[in-house]
């Protein structure tokens, strides 16, 4: 297992460099944020379309309620 203190020291040295590369008041999601959002939207749309198709194939027939009496047939 690698030495965690060495990894931590390396990360601490890199954090100040990342802090100077962008203006904290003008940060936007950018292209990567758009791509991730678009992929999530397309995935959600595909899942909803698939669910709708599968729900349309369901043949559900409800069982009659055993506490009610059946209606008499006309003519009897």
Protein backbone atom coordinates (compact mmCIF):
# COMPACT_ATOMS: atom_id res chain seq x y z
CA UNK A 1 0.00 0.00 0.00
CA UNK A 2 1.48 3.41 -0.91
CA UNK A 3 2.51 5.82 1.77
CA UNK A 4 -0.52 8.08 2.39
CA UNK A 5 1.58 10.95 3.75
CA UNK A 6 3.51 11.16 0.45
CA UNK A 7 0.27 11.20 -1.53
CA UNK A 8 -1.19 13.85 0.76
CA UNK A 9 1.94 16.00 0.46
CA UNK A 10 1.77 15.80 -3.33
CA UNK A 11 -1.90 16.84 -3.34
CA UNK A 12 -1.26 19.74 -0.97
CA UNK A 13 1.39 21.06 -3.34
CA UNK A 14 -0.98 20.86 -6.34
CA UNK A 15 -4.00 22.55 -4.73
CA UNK A 16 -2.57 26.09 -4.72
CA UNK A 17 -1.71 25.73 -8.42
CA UNK A 18 -5.31 24.81 -9.24
CA UNK A 19 -6.59 27.75 -7.21
CA UNK A 20 -4.74 30.30 -9.35
CA UNK A 21 -5.97 29.07 -12.73
CA UNK A 22 -9.56 30.35 -12.63
CA UNK A 23 -11.57 33.30 -11.33
CA UNK A 24 -13.79 32.06 -8.50
CA UNK A 25 -16.53 34.54 -9.54
CA UNK A 26 -16.68 33.38 -13.17
CA UNK A 27 -16.68 29.60 -12.95
CA UNK A 28 -19.05 27.89 -15.41
CA UNK A 29 -19.73 24.21 -16.04
CA UNK A 30 -18.29 24.44 -19.55
CA UNK A 31 -18.37 21.81 -22.26
CA UNK A 32 -17.89 18.86 -19.91
CA UNK A 33 -20.88 19.95 -17.80
CA UNK A 34 -23.02 20.24 -20.91
CA UNK A 35 -21.97 16.80 -22.17
CA UNK A 36 -22.73 15.18 -18.81
CA UNK A 37 -26.12 16.93 -18.60
CA UNK A 38 -26.99 15.95 -22.19
CA UNK A 39 -26.01 12.32 -21.53
CA UNK A 40 -28.19 12.22 -18.41
CA UNK A 41 -31.10 13.78 -20.30
CA UNK A 42 -30.79 11.28 -23.17
CA UNK A 43 -30.52 8.39 -20.73
CA UNK A 44 -33.63 9.53 -18.87
CA UNK A 45 -35.54 9.95 -22.13
CA UNK A 46 -34.52 6.46 -23.25
CA UNK A 47 -35.56 4.90 -19.95
CA UNK A 48 -38.94 6.66 -20.01
CA UNK A 49 -39.56 5.52 -23.59
CA UNK A 50 -38.63 1.94 -22.70
CA UNK A 51 -40.82 2.01 -19.59
CA UNK A 52 -43.76 3.33 -21.60
CA UNK A 53 -43.34 0.56 -24.17
CA UNK A 54 -43.12 -2.14 -21.50
CA UNK A 55 -46.13 -0.79 -19.58
CA UNK A 56 -48.15 -0.88 -22.81
CA UNK A 57 -47.47 -4.61 -23.11
CA UNK A 58 -48.79 -5.42 -19.63
CA UNK A 59 -52.05 -7.37 -19.73
CA UNK A 60 -53.51 -6.73 -16.30
CA UNK A 61 -56.90 -8.03 -15.32
CA UNK A 62 -58.10 -7.17 -11.84
CA UNK A 63 -59.61 -9.98 -9.80
CA UNK A 64 -63.20 -9.39 -8.65
CA UNK A 65 -63.66 -8.20 -5.08
CA UNK A 66 -64.75 -11.23 -2.99
CA UNK A 67 -66.79 -9.07 -0.58
CA UNK A 68 -69.27 -7.89 -3.22
CA UNK A 69 -72.09 -9.98 -4.64
CA UNK A 70 -72.14 -10.50 -8.40
CA UNK A 71 -74.81 -8.70 -10.37
CA UNK A 72 -77.67 -11.01 -11.43
CA UNK A 73 -77.83 -11.62 -15.14
CA UNK A 74 -80.75 -9.97 -16.95
CA UNK A 75 -83.68 -12.29 -17.62
CA UNK A 76 -83.16 -14.48 -14.58
